[in-house]
């Protein structure tokens, strides 16, 4: 979805009326993976999509396939959503890395917690996609304590040392407050 200036303005107004501020600027990269965290509520997706619209980002994202029905399904597809059947293995890392290689410009947003419930850590698909595609990871965030949503100034270029790279993620995402803090996953890699 390419965001028109009018739609970006309307999204900015919506966020202001609801008390949210947007921080950061659109990435300068033509290809990147953007992390969206923490993710503990359905509202996170709504606020993050509106913020992406405000920043005029054109981002594709995976969503649970059960959400892609009726008018909501049309809206999600329009916004860049790709239905994902999480009940079966689909080789998504290799497939997504291929999308990056085939495109001149492409961005994919992923919520590495993978669920709104407490989990043992972050799924590493976002990291492996970026590493295989040779693209940076842009750090998108939502912080309910500050009612702030945005993009950190620092991007992560995956080195292949996942534990070392996750230290950078912990430094940025550790202090953030989730909508449901008790469901915020530890920022450690999990399969």
N, C-alpha and C. Protein backbone atom coordinates (compact mmCIF):
# COMPACT_ATOMS: atom_id res chain seq x y z
N UNK A 1 0.85 -1.18 0.00
CA UNK A 1 0.00 0.00 0.00
C UNK A 1 0.89 1.24 0.00
N UNK A 2 0.71 2.09 -0.96
CA UNK A 2 1.39 3.37 -0.96
C UNK A 2 0.46 4.38 -0.30
N UNK A 3 0.96 5.07 0.69
CA UNK A 3 0.12 5.98 1.47
C UNK A 3 0.11 7.36 0.83
N UNK A 4 -1.08 7.86 0.58
CA UNK A 4 -1.22 9.21 0.05
C UNK A 4 -0.95 10.22 1.16
N UNK A 5 -0.58 11.43 0.80
CA UNK A 5 -0.38 12.46 1.83
C UNK A 5 -1.64 12.71 2.67
N UNK A 6 -2.80 12.61 2.04
CA UNK A 6 -4.06 12.84 2.77
C UNK A 6 -4.28 11.74 3.81
N UNK A 7 -4.07 10.48 3.40
CA UNK A 7 -4.25 9.37 4.33
C UNK A 7 -3.21 9.45 5.46
N UNK A 8 -1.98 9.81 5.13
CA UNK A 8 -0.95 9.97 6.16
C UNK A 8 -1.35 11.05 7.17
N UNK A 9 -1.91 12.14 6.68
CA UNK A 9 -2.38 13.23 7.56
C UNK A 9 -3.50 12.74 8.47
N UNK A 10 -4.47 12.00 7.89
CA UNK A 10 -5.59 11.48 8.68
C UNK A 10 -5.11 10.51 9.76
N UNK A 11 -4.13 9.69 9.42
CA UNK A 11 -3.57 8.77 10.41
C UNK A 11 -2.87 9.53 11.53
N UNK A 12 -2.14 10.58 11.17
CA UNK A 12 -1.47 11.40 12.18
C UNK A 12 -2.50 12.05 13.12
N UNK A 13 -3.59 12.55 12.54
CA UNK A 13 -4.65 13.16 13.35
C UNK A 13 -5.26 12.12 14.29
N UNK A 14 -5.53 10.92 13.77
CA UNK A 14 -6.08 9.85 14.61
C UNK A 14 -5.17 9.56 15.80
N UNK A 15 -3.87 9.44 15.54
CA UNK A 15 -2.94 9.15 16.63
C UNK A 15 -2.92 10.29 17.65
N UNK A 16 -2.92 11.53 17.18
CA UNK A 16 -2.93 12.66 18.12
C UNK A 16 -4.20 12.68 18.97
N UNK A 17 -5.34 12.44 18.33
CA UNK A 17 -6.61 12.45 19.06
C UNK A 17 -6.66 11.33 20.11
N UNK A 18 -5.95 10.25 19.87
CA UNK A 18 -5.94 9.14 20.83
C UNK A 18 -4.75 9.23 21.80
N UNK A 19 -3.98 10.33 21.71
CA UNK A 19 -2.91 10.56 22.67
C UNK A 19 -1.56 9.96 22.31
N UNK A 20 -1.42 9.43 21.11
CA UNK A 20 -0.17 8.81 20.70
C UNK A 20 0.71 9.79 19.94
N UNK A 21 2.02 9.64 20.09
CA UNK A 21 2.96 10.40 19.28
C UNK A 21 3.78 9.42 18.44
N UNK A 22 4.24 9.90 17.30
CA UNK A 22 5.08 9.10 16.41
C UNK A 22 6.49 9.66 16.47
N UNK A 23 7.45 8.78 16.64
CA UNK A 23 8.84 9.18 16.74
C UNK A 23 9.64 8.49 15.64
N UNK A 24 10.63 9.18 15.13
CA UNK A 24 11.49 8.60 14.10
C UNK A 24 11.06 9.03 12.71
N UNK A 25 11.81 8.55 11.74
CA UNK A 25 11.55 8.90 10.35
C UNK A 25 11.52 7.63 9.51
N UNK A 26 11.05 7.77 8.29
CA UNK A 26 11.01 6.64 7.37
C UNK A 26 12.43 6.18 7.10
N UNK A 27 12.64 4.87 7.03
CA UNK A 27 13.98 4.35 6.72
C UNK A 27 14.46 4.80 5.35
N UNK A 28 15.75 4.98 5.22
CA UNK A 28 16.35 5.39 3.95
C UNK A 28 16.62 4.19 3.05
N UNK A 29 16.49 2.99 3.58
CA UNK A 29 16.78 1.77 2.83
C UNK A 29 15.66 1.47 1.84
N UNK A 30 16.01 0.85 0.72
CA UNK A 30 15.00 0.42 -0.26
C UNK A 30 14.45 -0.95 0.11
N UNK A 31 15.23 -1.73 0.83
CA UNK A 31 14.82 -3.07 1.26
C UNK A 31 15.18 -3.23 2.73
N UNK A 32 14.24 -3.73 3.52
CA UNK A 32 14.52 -3.96 4.93
C UNK A 32 13.43 -4.80 5.57
N UNK A 33 13.78 -5.40 6.70
CA UNK A 33 12.82 -6.06 7.58
C UNK A 33 12.59 -5.09 8.72
N UNK A 34 11.34 -4.88 9.10
CA UNK A 34 11.07 -4.02 10.26
C UNK A 34 10.44 -4.88 11.35
N UNK A 35 11.03 -4.80 12.54
CA UNK A 35 10.53 -5.50 13.71
C UNK A 35 9.46 -4.63 14.35
N UNK A 36 8.37 -5.24 14.76
CA UNK A 36 7.28 -4.53 15.46
C UNK A 36 7.13 -5.18 16.84
N UNK A 37 7.59 -4.48 17.88
CA UNK A 37 7.57 -5.08 19.21
C UNK A 37 7.47 -3.97 20.27
N UNK A 38 7.02 -4.31 21.45
CA UNK A 38 6.47 -5.59 21.86
C UNK A 38 5.05 -5.79 21.33
N UNK A 39 4.62 -7.03 21.29
CA UNK A 39 3.31 -7.37 20.73
C UNK A 39 2.54 -8.22 21.73
N UNK A 40 1.65 -7.58 22.49
CA UNK A 40 0.88 -8.31 23.51
C UNK A 40 -0.62 -8.09 23.38
N UNK A 41 -1.05 -7.34 22.36
CA UNK A 41 -2.46 -6.99 22.20
C UNK A 41 -2.80 -6.81 20.73
N UNK A 42 -4.05 -7.06 20.38
CA UNK A 42 -4.49 -6.79 19.00
C UNK A 42 -4.38 -5.30 18.67
N UNK A 43 -4.48 -4.45 19.68
CA UNK A 43 -4.37 -3.01 19.45
C UNK A 43 -2.99 -2.61 18.95
N UNK A 44 -1.97 -3.40 19.29
CA UNK A 44 -0.62 -3.11 18.81
C UNK A 44 -0.61 -3.03 17.29
N UNK A 45 -1.22 -4.02 16.64
CA UNK A 45 -1.26 -4.05 15.18
C UNK A 45 -1.94 -2.84 14.60
N UNK A 46 -3.05 -2.44 15.20
CA UNK A 46 -3.79 -1.27 14.72
C UNK A 46 -2.92 -0.02 14.83
N UNK A 47 -2.35 0.19 16.01
CA UNK A 47 -1.55 1.40 16.24
C UNK A 47 -0.30 1.39 15.35
N UNK A 48 0.34 0.24 15.22
CA UNK A 48 1.54 0.15 14.38
C UNK A 48 1.22 0.39 12.91
N UNK A 49 0.09 -0.13 12.42
CA UNK A 49 -0.29 0.11 11.02
C UNK A 49 -0.61 1.58 10.77
N UNK A 50 -1.28 2.21 11.72
CA UNK A 50 -1.59 3.64 11.58
C UNK A 50 -0.30 4.45 11.61
N UNK A 51 0.64 4.07 12.47
CA UNK A 51 1.93 4.77 12.52
C UNK A 51 2.70 4.57 11.22
N UNK A 52 2.68 3.36 10.67
CA UNK A 52 3.36 3.10 9.39
C UNK A 52 2.76 3.97 8.30
N UNK A 53 1.45 4.13 8.34
CA UNK A 53 0.76 4.99 7.37
C UNK A 53 1.21 6.45 7.57
N UNK A 54 1.33 6.88 8.81
CA UNK A 54 1.76 8.24 9.11
C UNK A 54 3.17 8.50 8.56
N UNK A 55 4.05 7.50 8.70
CA UNK A 55 5.42 7.63 8.21
C UNK A 55 5.52 7.29 6.71
N UNK A 56 4.39 6.97 6.11
CA UNK A 56 4.29 6.66 4.67
C UNK A 56 5.17 5.47 4.29
N UNK A 57 5.15 4.45 5.16
CA UNK A 57 5.90 3.23 4.89
C UNK A 57 5.04 2.28 4.05
N UNK A 58 5.65 1.63 3.12
CA UNK A 58 4.99 0.59 2.34
C UNK A 58 5.56 -0.73 2.83
N UNK A 59 4.82 -1.39 3.73
CA UNK A 59 5.33 -2.58 4.41
C UNK A 59 4.35 -3.73 4.23
N UNK A 60 4.88 -4.89 3.85
CA UNK A 60 4.09 -6.12 3.84
C UNK A 60 4.25 -6.78 5.21
N UNK A 61 3.27 -7.58 5.59
CA UNK A 61 3.34 -8.25 6.89
C UNK A 61 2.53 -9.53 6.85
N UNK A 62 2.93 -10.49 7.68
CA UNK A 62 2.17 -11.72 7.84
C UNK A 62 1.11 -11.50 8.91
N UNK A 63 -0.04 -12.12 8.72
CA UNK A 63 -1.09 -12.10 9.72
C UNK A 63 -1.74 -13.47 9.80
N UNK A 64 -2.28 -13.78 10.95
CA UNK A 64 -2.96 -15.06 11.13
C UNK A 64 -4.07 -15.18 10.09
N UNK A 65 -4.10 -16.29 9.35
CA UNK A 65 -5.03 -16.45 8.23
C UNK A 65 -6.49 -16.31 8.64
N UNK A 66 -6.81 -16.59 9.89
CA UNK A 66 -8.20 -16.49 10.33
C UNK A 66 -8.70 -15.05 10.39
N UNK A 67 -7.78 -14.07 10.32
CA UNK A 67 -8.18 -12.66 10.31
C UNK A 67 -8.57 -12.18 8.91
N UNK A 68 -8.20 -12.95 7.88
CA UNK A 68 -8.38 -12.51 6.49
C UNK A 68 -9.71 -12.97 5.91
N UNK A 69 -10.80 -12.50 6.49
CA UNK A 69 -12.12 -12.82 5.97
C UNK A 69 -12.95 -11.55 5.94
N UNK A 70 -13.91 -11.50 5.02
CA UNK A 70 -14.82 -10.37 4.92
C UNK A 70 -14.11 -9.05 4.75
N UNK A 71 -14.74 -7.97 5.21
CA UNK A 71 -14.16 -6.63 5.06
C UNK A 71 -12.80 -6.48 5.75
N UNK A 72 -12.61 -7.14 6.90
CA UNK A 72 -11.32 -7.05 7.59
C UNK A 72 -10.23 -7.67 6.72
N UNK A 73 -10.52 -8.78 6.07
CA UNK A 73 -9.56 -9.42 5.18
C UNK A 73 -9.17 -8.52 4.03
N UNK A 74 -10.14 -7.85 3.44
CA UNK A 74 -9.86 -6.92 2.34
C UNK A 74 -8.97 -5.78 2.83
N UNK A 75 -9.32 -5.23 3.98
CA UNK A 75 -8.54 -4.12 4.55
C UNK A 75 -7.10 -4.55 4.85
N UNK A 76 -6.94 -5.74 5.44
CA UNK A 76 -5.59 -6.22 5.76
C UNK A 76 -4.76 -6.45 4.50
N UNK A 77 -5.38 -7.01 3.47
CA UNK A 77 -4.65 -7.22 2.20
C UNK A 77 -4.27 -5.86 1.58
N UNK A 78 -5.18 -4.92 1.63
CA UNK A 78 -4.92 -3.58 1.11
C UNK A 78 -3.75 -2.93 1.84
N UNK A 79 -3.65 -3.19 3.14
CA UNK A 79 -2.60 -2.60 3.96
C UNK A 79 -1.27 -3.34 3.82
N UNK A 80 -1.24 -4.44 3.05
CA UNK A 80 0.01 -5.18 2.83
C UNK A 80 0.04 -6.53 3.50
N UNK A 81 -1.09 -6.97 4.06
CA UNK A 81 -1.14 -8.24 4.78
C UNK A 81 -1.05 -9.46 3.88
N UNK A 82 -0.35 -10.47 4.38
CA UNK A 82 -0.21 -11.76 3.71
C UNK A 82 -0.72 -12.81 4.69
N UNK A 83 -1.81 -13.54 4.35
CA UNK A 83 -2.34 -14.55 5.28
C UNK A 83 -1.32 -15.66 5.54
N UNK A 84 -1.22 -16.08 6.79
CA UNK A 84 -0.28 -17.11 7.19
C UNK A 84 -1.01 -18.20 7.95
N UNK A 85 -0.93 -19.42 7.44
CA UNK A 85 -1.48 -20.58 8.12
C UNK A 85 -0.39 -21.09 9.07
N UNK A 86 -0.53 -20.77 10.35
CA UNK A 86 0.52 -21.09 11.30
C UNK A 86 0.50 -22.56 11.72
N UNK A 87 -0.48 -23.33 11.22
CA UNK A 87 -0.56 -24.73 11.60
C UNK A 87 0.38 -25.62 10.80
N UNK A 88 1.01 -25.08 9.74
CA UNK A 88 1.91 -25.91 8.93
C UNK A 88 3.17 -25.14 8.56
N UNK A 89 4.26 -25.91 8.40
CA UNK A 89 5.55 -25.34 8.02
C UNK A 89 5.50 -24.99 6.54
N UNK A 90 5.93 -23.77 6.17
CA UNK A 90 5.79 -23.33 4.79
C UNK A 90 7.09 -22.84 4.17
N UNK A 91 8.23 -22.96 4.84
CA UNK A 91 9.48 -22.47 4.29
C UNK A 91 9.46 -20.96 4.06
N UNK A 92 8.87 -20.23 5.00
CA UNK A 92 8.66 -18.79 4.82
C UNK A 92 9.95 -17.99 4.81
N UNK A 93 10.97 -18.43 5.52
CA UNK A 93 12.22 -17.67 5.54
C UNK A 93 12.81 -17.61 4.14
N UNK A 94 12.95 -18.76 3.51
CA UNK A 94 13.52 -18.80 2.16
C UNK A 94 12.62 -18.08 1.16
N UNK A 95 11.31 -18.25 1.31
CA UNK A 95 10.36 -17.58 0.41
C UNK A 95 10.46 -16.06 0.55
N UNK A 96 10.48 -15.56 1.77
CA UNK A 96 10.55 -14.12 2.00
C UNK A 96 11.91 -13.56 1.54
N UNK A 97 13.00 -14.30 1.78
CA UNK A 97 14.31 -13.84 1.31
C UNK A 97 14.30 -13.73 -0.21
N UNK A 98 13.60 -14.64 -0.87
CA UNK A 98 13.46 -14.59 -2.33
C UNK A 98 12.69 -13.35 -2.79
N UNK A 99 11.66 -12.97 -2.03
CA UNK A 99 10.90 -11.75 -2.38
C UNK A 99 11.83 -10.54 -2.36
N UNK A 100 12.73 -10.50 -1.39
CA UNK A 100 13.68 -9.39 -1.32
C UNK A 100 14.60 -9.39 -2.54
N UNK A 101 15.11 -10.57 -2.89
CA UNK A 101 16.03 -10.65 -4.03
C UNK A 101 15.34 -10.26 -5.34
N UNK A 102 14.05 -10.55 -5.48
CA UNK A 102 13.31 -10.28 -6.72
C UNK A 102 12.81 -8.84 -6.83
N UNK A 103 12.88 -8.08 -5.77
CA UNK A 103 12.29 -6.73 -5.75
C UNK A 103 13.35 -5.65 -5.69
N UNK A 104 13.04 -4.51 -6.33
CA UNK A 104 13.91 -3.34 -6.21
C UNK A 104 13.68 -2.63 -4.88
N UNK A 105 12.42 -2.64 -4.42
CA UNK A 105 12.05 -2.06 -3.13
C UNK A 105 11.09 -3.02 -2.44
N UNK A 106 11.40 -3.37 -1.20
CA UNK A 106 10.51 -4.27 -0.47
C UNK A 106 10.79 -4.13 1.01
N UNK A 107 9.74 -4.08 1.80
CA UNK A 107 9.86 -4.04 3.27
C UNK A 107 8.86 -5.02 3.85
N UNK A 108 9.28 -5.74 4.86
CA UNK A 108 8.41 -6.69 5.53
C UNK A 108 8.45 -6.43 7.02
N UNK A 109 7.28 -6.26 7.62
CA UNK A 109 7.16 -6.07 9.06
C UNK A 109 6.78 -7.37 9.74
N UNK A 110 7.46 -7.67 10.84
CA UNK A 110 7.20 -8.90 11.58
C UNK A 110 7.19 -8.61 13.08
N UNK A 111 6.28 -9.28 13.79
CA UNK A 111 6.23 -9.21 15.25
C UNK A 111 6.92 -10.48 15.77
N UNK A 112 8.17 -10.37 16.21
CA UNK A 112 8.95 -11.56 16.54
C UNK A 112 8.45 -12.36 17.74
N UNK A 113 7.60 -11.77 18.55
CA UNK A 113 7.06 -12.56 19.66
C UNK A 113 6.13 -13.66 19.12
N UNK A 114 5.54 -13.41 17.95
CA UNK A 114 4.75 -14.43 17.28
C UNK A 114 3.38 -14.68 17.88
N UNK A 115 3.09 -14.10 19.00
CA UNK A 115 1.82 -14.31 19.67
C UNK A 115 1.62 -13.17 20.66
N UNK A 116 0.39 -12.99 21.10
CA UNK A 116 0.12 -11.96 22.10
C UNK A 116 0.27 -12.51 23.51
N UNK A 117 0.43 -13.83 23.62
CA UNK A 117 0.60 -14.46 24.93
C UNK A 117 2.08 -14.54 25.28
N UNK A 118 2.36 -14.72 26.55
CA UNK A 118 3.74 -14.86 27.00
C UNK A 118 4.38 -16.06 26.32
N UNK A 119 5.56 -15.86 25.77
CA UNK A 119 6.30 -16.95 25.14
C UNK A 119 7.71 -16.98 25.72
N UNK A 120 8.47 -18.00 25.34
CA UNK A 120 9.82 -18.18 25.90
C UNK A 120 10.85 -17.24 25.29
N UNK A 121 10.48 -16.52 24.23
CA UNK A 121 11.42 -15.61 23.59
C UNK A 121 10.90 -15.18 22.24
N UNK A 122 11.75 -14.58 21.44
CA UNK A 122 11.39 -14.09 20.11
C UNK A 122 11.67 -15.15 19.06
N UNK A 123 10.73 -15.37 18.17
CA UNK A 123 10.97 -16.22 17.01
C UNK A 123 12.04 -15.54 16.16
N UNK A 124 12.85 -16.33 15.52
CA UNK A 124 14.01 -15.78 14.82
C UNK A 124 13.81 -15.65 13.31
N UNK A 125 12.63 -15.90 12.81
CA UNK A 125 12.39 -15.80 11.37
C UNK A 125 12.76 -14.45 10.81
N UNK A 126 12.41 -13.36 11.50
CA UNK A 126 12.74 -12.01 11.02
C UNK A 126 14.25 -11.86 10.83
N UNK A 127 15.02 -12.42 11.76
CA UNK A 127 16.47 -12.32 11.72
C UNK A 127 17.03 -13.12 10.54
N UNK A 128 16.54 -14.34 10.38
CA UNK A 128 17.05 -15.19 9.30
C UNK A 128 16.64 -14.67 7.92
N UNK A 129 15.45 -14.09 7.81
CA UNK A 129 15.03 -13.48 6.54
C UNK A 129 16.00 -12.35 6.18
N UNK A 130 16.24 -11.45 7.14
CA UNK A 130 17.14 -10.31 6.88
C UNK A 130 18.55 -10.79 6.57
N UNK A 131 19.03 -11.77 7.32
CA UNK A 131 20.38 -12.28 7.12
C UNK A 131 20.52 -12.93 5.74
N UNK A 132 19.56 -13.78 5.37
CA UNK A 132 19.62 -14.45 4.06
C UNK A 132 19.45 -13.47 2.90
N UNK A 133 18.61 -12.45 3.09
CA UNK A 133 18.36 -11.48 2.03
C UNK A 133 19.44 -10.39 1.98
N UNK A 134 20.26 -10.31 3.03
CA UNK A 134 21.29 -9.27 3.08
C UNK A 134 20.72 -7.87 3.25
N UNK A 135 19.66 -7.76 4.07
CA UNK A 135 19.02 -6.46 4.29
C UNK A 135 19.07 -6.11 5.77
N UNK A 136 19.01 -4.82 6.10
CA UNK A 136 19.02 -4.41 7.51
C UNK A 136 17.68 -4.68 8.19
N UNK A 137 17.75 -4.69 9.51
CA UNK A 137 16.55 -4.81 10.35
C UNK A 137 16.28 -3.44 10.95
N UNK A 138 15.13 -2.87 10.61
CA UNK A 138 14.70 -1.58 11.15
C UNK A 138 13.92 -1.87 12.43
N UNK A 139 14.16 -1.10 13.46
CA UNK A 139 13.59 -1.37 14.78
C UNK A 139 12.36 -0.52 15.04
N UNK A 140 11.19 -1.06 14.71
CA UNK A 140 9.93 -0.40 14.98
C UNK A 140 9.44 -0.77 16.37
N UNK A 141 8.79 0.15 17.03
CA UNK A 141 8.40 -0.12 18.43
C UNK A 141 7.09 0.56 18.79
N UNK A 142 6.54 0.07 19.91
CA UNK A 142 5.37 0.68 20.53
C UNK A 142 5.63 0.68 22.04
N UNK A 143 5.40 1.81 22.68
CA UNK A 143 5.66 1.95 24.12
C UNK A 143 4.42 2.56 24.76
N UNK A 144 3.70 1.73 25.52
CA UNK A 144 2.44 2.18 26.14
C UNK A 144 2.68 3.14 27.30
N UNK A 145 3.82 3.07 27.97
CA UNK A 145 4.10 3.99 29.08
C UNK A 145 4.18 5.42 28.57
N UNK A 146 4.80 5.62 27.41
CA UNK A 146 4.95 6.95 26.83
C UNK A 146 3.87 7.27 25.80
N UNK A 147 3.06 6.25 25.44
CA UNK A 147 2.10 6.37 24.33
C UNK A 147 2.84 6.88 23.09
N UNK A 148 3.93 6.16 22.80
CA UNK A 148 4.79 6.53 21.68
C UNK A 148 4.97 5.29 20.79
N UNK A 149 4.94 5.54 19.49
CA UNK A 149 5.16 4.49 18.50
C UNK A 149 6.11 5.05 17.47
N UNK A 150 7.01 4.22 16.96
CA UNK A 150 7.94 4.78 15.99
C UNK A 150 9.02 3.83 15.57
N UNK A 151 10.12 4.43 15.14
CA UNK A 151 11.27 3.70 14.64
C UNK A 151 12.51 4.23 15.36
N UNK A 152 13.28 3.31 15.96
CA UNK A 152 14.52 3.71 16.59
C UNK A 152 15.50 4.20 15.51
N UNK A 153 16.39 5.13 15.85
CA UNK A 153 17.34 5.65 14.86
C UNK A 153 18.36 4.60 14.40
N UNK A 154 18.63 3.62 15.25
CA UNK A 154 19.64 2.60 14.94
C UNK A 154 18.99 1.42 14.22
N UNK A 155 19.55 1.03 13.08
CA UNK A 155 19.13 -0.19 12.40
C UNK A 155 20.17 -1.27 12.71
N UNK A 156 19.76 -2.52 12.59
CA UNK A 156 20.64 -3.64 12.87
C UNK A 156 20.98 -4.34 11.56
N UNK A 157 22.26 -4.44 11.25
CA UNK A 157 22.72 -5.23 10.11
C UNK A 157 23.14 -6.58 10.66
N UNK A 158 22.35 -7.63 10.36
CA UNK A 158 22.65 -8.95 10.95
C UNK A 158 24.07 -9.41 10.59
N UNK A 159 24.78 -9.89 11.60
CA UNK A 159 26.16 -10.34 11.41
C UNK A 159 26.26 -11.85 11.28
N UNK A 160 25.17 -12.56 11.61
CA UNK A 160 25.23 -14.01 11.69
C UNK A 160 25.48 -14.48 13.11
N UNK A 161 25.93 -13.57 13.98
CA UNK A 161 26.09 -13.86 15.41
C UNK A 161 24.79 -13.46 16.09
N UNK A 162 23.85 -14.40 16.10
CA UNK A 162 22.50 -14.08 16.57
C UNK A 162 22.50 -13.64 18.03
N UNK A 163 23.33 -14.27 18.87
CA UNK A 163 23.35 -13.89 20.29
C UNK A 163 23.88 -12.47 20.47
N UNK A 164 24.92 -12.12 19.75
CA UNK A 164 25.46 -10.77 19.81
C UNK A 164 24.48 -9.74 19.26
N UNK A 165 23.82 -10.07 18.16
CA UNK A 165 22.85 -9.15 17.58
C UNK A 165 21.62 -8.99 18.47
N UNK A 166 21.25 -10.06 19.19
CA UNK A 166 20.11 -9.95 20.10
C UNK A 166 20.43 -9.03 21.28
N UNK A 167 21.70 -8.85 21.61
CA UNK A 167 22.06 -7.91 22.67
C UNK A 167 21.64 -6.50 22.27
N UNK A 168 21.81 -6.15 21.00
CA UNK A 168 21.37 -4.84 20.49
C UNK A 168 19.86 -4.72 20.61
N UNK A 169 19.15 -5.79 20.29
CA UNK A 169 17.68 -5.78 20.40
C UNK A 169 17.24 -5.62 21.85
N UNK A 170 17.90 -6.33 22.77
CA UNK A 170 17.55 -6.20 24.20
C UNK A 170 17.76 -4.77 24.69
N UNK A 171 18.86 -4.15 24.26
CA UNK A 171 19.17 -2.78 24.68
C UNK A 171 18.06 -1.81 24.24
N UNK A 172 17.52 -2.01 23.03
CA UNK A 172 16.48 -1.12 22.53
C UNK A 172 15.09 -1.46 23.05
N UNK A 173 14.74 -2.73 23.04
CA UNK A 173 13.37 -3.13 23.37
C UNK A 173 13.14 -3.43 24.84
N UNK A 174 14.19 -3.71 25.58
CA UNK A 174 14.04 -4.05 27.00
C UNK A 174 13.29 -3.02 27.82
N UNK A 175 13.59 -1.71 27.69
CA UNK A 175 12.92 -0.70 28.51
C UNK A 175 11.47 -0.40 28.12
N UNK A 176 10.99 -0.90 26.99
CA UNK A 176 9.64 -0.56 26.52
C UNK A 176 8.56 -1.24 27.35
N UNK A 177 7.43 -0.55 27.49
CA UNK A 177 6.30 -1.10 28.22
C UNK A 177 5.24 -1.57 27.22
N UNK A 178 4.87 -2.84 27.33
CA UNK A 178 3.83 -3.42 26.48
C UNK A 178 2.47 -3.08 27.04
N UNK A 179 1.43 -3.23 26.22
CA UNK A 179 0.06 -3.01 26.70
C UNK A 179 -0.24 -3.96 27.87
N UNK A 180 0.22 -5.21 27.73
CA UNK A 180 0.08 -6.20 28.80
C UNK A 180 1.49 -6.64 29.19
N UNK A 181 2.13 -5.91 30.13
CA UNK A 181 3.53 -6.18 30.47
C UNK A 181 3.79 -7.62 30.89
N UNK A 182 2.82 -8.26 31.50
CA UNK A 182 3.01 -9.64 31.95
C UNK A 182 3.14 -10.61 30.78
N UNK A 183 2.76 -10.19 29.58
CA UNK A 183 2.85 -11.04 28.39
C UNK A 183 4.04 -10.71 27.50
N UNK A 184 4.85 -9.74 27.89
CA UNK A 184 6.02 -9.37 27.08
C UNK A 184 7.08 -10.46 27.18
N UNK A 185 7.44 -11.01 26.03
CA UNK A 185 8.40 -12.12 25.98
C UNK A 185 9.81 -11.62 26.28
N UNK A 186 10.65 -12.47 26.87
CA UNK A 186 12.06 -12.10 27.01
C UNK A 186 12.68 -11.98 25.62
N UNK A 187 13.62 -11.09 25.48
CA UNK A 187 14.23 -10.80 24.17
C UNK A 187 15.44 -11.71 24.01
N UNK A 188 15.13 -12.97 23.78
CA UNK A 188 16.13 -14.01 23.53
C UNK A 188 15.66 -14.82 22.32
N UNK A 189 16.60 -15.36 21.53
CA UNK A 189 16.19 -16.14 20.35
C UNK A 189 15.56 -17.47 20.74
N UNK A 190 14.49 -17.81 20.03
CA UNK A 190 13.90 -19.14 20.14
C UNK A 190 13.54 -19.61 18.74
N UNK A 191 13.53 -20.89 18.55
CA UNK A 191 13.26 -21.45 17.20
C UNK A 191 11.83 -21.21 16.77
